[in-house]
């Protein structure tokens, strides 16, 4: 009798387990009569079709996915919102446990992923080369590159002209490109007007010695000023006073040190005050005219330092400083002329040379991500945000400036979020294939 009762108890336990197993099983024991949701590629589960066939990428036979059946490797992803009793969904709890009314185990309810979210296992992440980076807030530095051309500093140009009509007698500097120093003799001229003025000055001095009681000071002073006006130096005037004879030739001296860029002085040439005899340029300091694109123009300011590199001199660099920004953009090139000044040691920088100019512009603190993390499709820009457990959510963002290897994020991300810094293109391809059945189908 006892043996019979034991057999009945064992049979009852097996039956109960069988029915309970059928009741709570997540995968039905048979496929007959069940609804097919879609067909999928077992090698690439993300690929779906609404009809049977062959996967176009790997040639695998598509398999059906039935209602109530999920991928074998699929696990709930995302944040747990709450726990509920699957037999009494009105009961919620913020932690796992039992429903005290029914005694059933509570199951988690997860946050629903955003459309296009993809799940990639750690092995797959390594295979496609996914790297991560955080959304950071920092002050960036943007490098602005521009083409530049060396120009003469117009404030360091001296032009030599005679102040009276006459003839050139002797030329001491006789070719363009010659370097002269301040005070160096350039040429001598004969001017009848200058000789006559010297004679008037000598007569005024002589009259002062004869006419003791007559005021001749004003006459002497007027004659002396005329001599100075005609570029006679105090030393030359003193020589006329000492010898008592007018000087037939007047020597003109260089007013500055530099290079002769224009020479219009030749022996026996007739000249007037309008004749430009020499142009002398000081090249110890030069201008650099840089063409800055209008999009970069707001980042360039007066007084800003820049680096000037000379590619034809082994990449040697010099430091320049912005001294003027022209107020108009060139309508043809859409660039803005920026003038810089730089010292010119050993006259390395020669007028009309081309150079490379780099500005370092400091940007205010802003959010940024690696440039590689942003998929730019023109009107839309997408970043894949790591949601944890191998889940990646596509997020549209609005970007700003690019500096170094990072891109400014104006909206769409929060500081501290983790994004896919590489492999975003492959994640995007997977995201497109994860769209609901019917959106991406093959005929």
Foldseek 3Di string as FASTA:
>chain_A
DVVVVVVVVVVVVVVVVVVVCCVPPLDHPDDPPFAFPWWAAPVQRLFTARDWDADPPPRGGTDTDTPSDDDPPDDDDADFPWWAAPVDRVDTHRDWDADVVPRGTIDTDHDDADALKDFDAPVRCVVLVWDKDFWAWDKFKFKFKWKKFWDFDPVQKDWDFFAFWWWWAFADDDDFFDWDAFFAWGTKTFHPVLQVLLLQLLVLVVVCVVCVPDDSPVSNVVSVVVNVSRVADPVQSVVCVVVVHGDRMDIDTHRHTATWHDADHDHGDTHGRPDGGTMGGHLQKIKMKTWGAPVCVVQDDFQFKKWKFDVVVVGDIFIKGWHDWDPDADPPPNTTITMIMGGQPPNPRDGGDMIMIMGIGIGHIAIKAFPQQWDPPPVWIWGWWDSDNRITHIWTFDWDDDHDRMTGTPDTDDGGTMTGSHSVVVSSVSSVSNGDHPPDHDD
